[in-house]
Amino acid sequence: MLRLLSLTSEQGPPRSVELSHKIAGEIWELIAGRLRVLWFYDEGRVIVCTHGFVKRTRKTPTSEIDRAQAAYREYRAAKWTRNLRVMEE
């Protein structure tokens, strides 16, 4: 997964839908086996990862997509109001 993130930041999303594809709006999915990371681009090819999860069903759960879209909206709002903070967990 780290290799995929690094390549994506340097070269854009992998061209293979088996490794990455857009799943909703500005939200992309990186795929490494059953591990999934949902993310979106910011300016300058900055990748903002919203979260990762282990995919247990054939279709990406709507709750995971909703969570990523909420993070995207919060990020954009914080950036617009210049209240963007980077927090480590």
Protein backbone atom coordinates (compact mmCIF):
# COMPACT_ATOMS: atom_id res chain seq x y z
CA MET A 1 0.00 0.00 0.00
CA LEU A 2 2.84 2.44 0.80
CA ARG A 3 4.37 1.74 -2.61
CA LEU A 4 1.03 2.46 -4.28
CA LEU A 5 0.66 5.74 -2.39
CA SER A 6 4.17 6.80 -3.32
CA LEU A 7 3.70 5.97 -7.01
CA THR A 8 0.32 7.69 -7.08
CA SER A 9 1.75 10.89 -5.63
CA GLU A 10 4.54 10.90 -8.23
CA GLN A 11 2.79 9.58 -11.34
CA GLY A 12 -0.95 9.88 -10.72
CA PRO A 13 -3.32 7.02 -10.10
CA PRO A 14 -2.33 3.63 -11.49
CA ARG A 15 -3.93 3.01 -14.86
CA SER A 16 -5.04 -0.45 -13.80
CA VAL A 17 -8.52 -0.55 -12.25
CA GLU A 18 -7.25 -3.55 -10.28
CA LEU A 19 -5.01 -1.15 -8.30
CA SER A 20 -6.95 2.09 -8.18
CA HIS A 21 -10.12 3.68 -9.45
CA LYS A 22 -12.44 6.58 -8.79
CA ILE A 23 -15.43 5.40 -6.76
CA ALA A 24 -17.51 8.53 -6.14
CA GLY A 25 -17.05 12.21 -6.99
CA GLU A 26 -13.48 13.11 -6.06
CA ILE A 27 -12.94 9.97 -3.98
CA TRP A 28 -10.49 7.34 -5.22
CA GLU A 29 -9.77 3.86 -3.92
CA LEU A 30 -6.33 2.25 -3.75
CA ILE A 31 -6.37 -1.55 -3.67
CA ALA A 32 -3.82 -3.95 -2.19
CA GLY A 33 -5.49 -7.32 -1.79
CA ARG A 34 -8.40 -6.84 0.59
CA LEU A 35 -6.88 -3.64 2.01
CA ARG A 36 -8.45 -0.44 0.72
CA VAL A 37 -7.47 3.19 1.26
CA LEU A 38 -9.89 5.93 0.23
CA TRP A 39 -8.31 9.23 -0.77
CA PHE A 40 -8.59 12.41 -2.82
CA TYR A 41 -6.23 14.87 -4.45
CA ASP A 42 -5.41 18.35 -3.24
CA GLU A 43 -3.35 20.89 -5.17
CA GLY A 44 0.02 19.80 -6.50
CA ARG A 45 -0.75 16.08 -6.50
CA VAL A 46 -1.00 16.03 -2.73
CA ILE A 47 -2.82 12.88 -1.70
CA VAL A 48 -5.13 13.15 1.30
CA CYS A 49 -6.01 9.72 2.65
CA THR A 50 -9.32 9.67 4.46
CA HIS A 51 -9.12 6.18 5.92
CA GLY A 52 -8.38 2.56 5.21
CA PHE A 53 -10.37 -0.59 5.78
CA VAL A 54 -10.42 -4.29 4.99
CA LYS A 55 -12.96 -5.00 2.29
CA ARG A 56 -15.10 -7.98 3.23
CA THR A 57 -17.79 -7.79 0.55
CA ARG A 58 -17.77 -7.50 -3.21
CA LYS A 59 -18.99 -3.90 -3.24
CA THR A 60 -17.41 -1.02 -1.32
CA PRO A 61 -19.77 -0.31 1.60
CA THR A 62 -21.75 2.91 1.25
CA SER A 63 -20.79 3.82 4.82
CA GLU A 64 -17.10 3.84 3.86
CA ILE A 65 -17.77 6.04 0.83
CA ASP A 66 -19.93 8.39 2.92
CA ARG A 67 -17.14 8.64 5.51
CA ALA A 68 -14.60 9.57 2.81
CA GLN A 69 -16.93 12.15 1.26
CA ALA A 70 -17.55 13.73 4.67
CA ALA A 71 -13.79 13.96 5.23
CA TYR A 72 -13.41 15.56 1.78
CA ARG A 73 -16.07 18.19 2.56
CA GLU A 74 -14.54 18.94 5.97
CA TYR A 75 -11.07 19.24 4.46
CA ARG A 76 -12.23 21.63 1.73
CA ALA A 77 -14.18 23.75 4.23
CA ALA A 78 -11.22 23.94 6.62
CA LYS A 79 -8.86 24.84 3.78
CA TRP A 80 -11.26 27.52 2.47
CA THR A 81 -11.52 29.15 5.92
CA ARG A 82 -7.78 28.72 6.55
CA ASN A 83 -8.45 26.51 9.55
CA LEU A 84 -6.76 23.42 8.16
CA ARG A 85 -4.81 21.51 10.81
CA VAL A 86 -2.85 18.30 10.40
CA MET A 87 -3.46 15.91 13.27
CA GLU A 88 -1.72 12.64 13.89
CA GLU A 89 -3.51 9.78 15.59
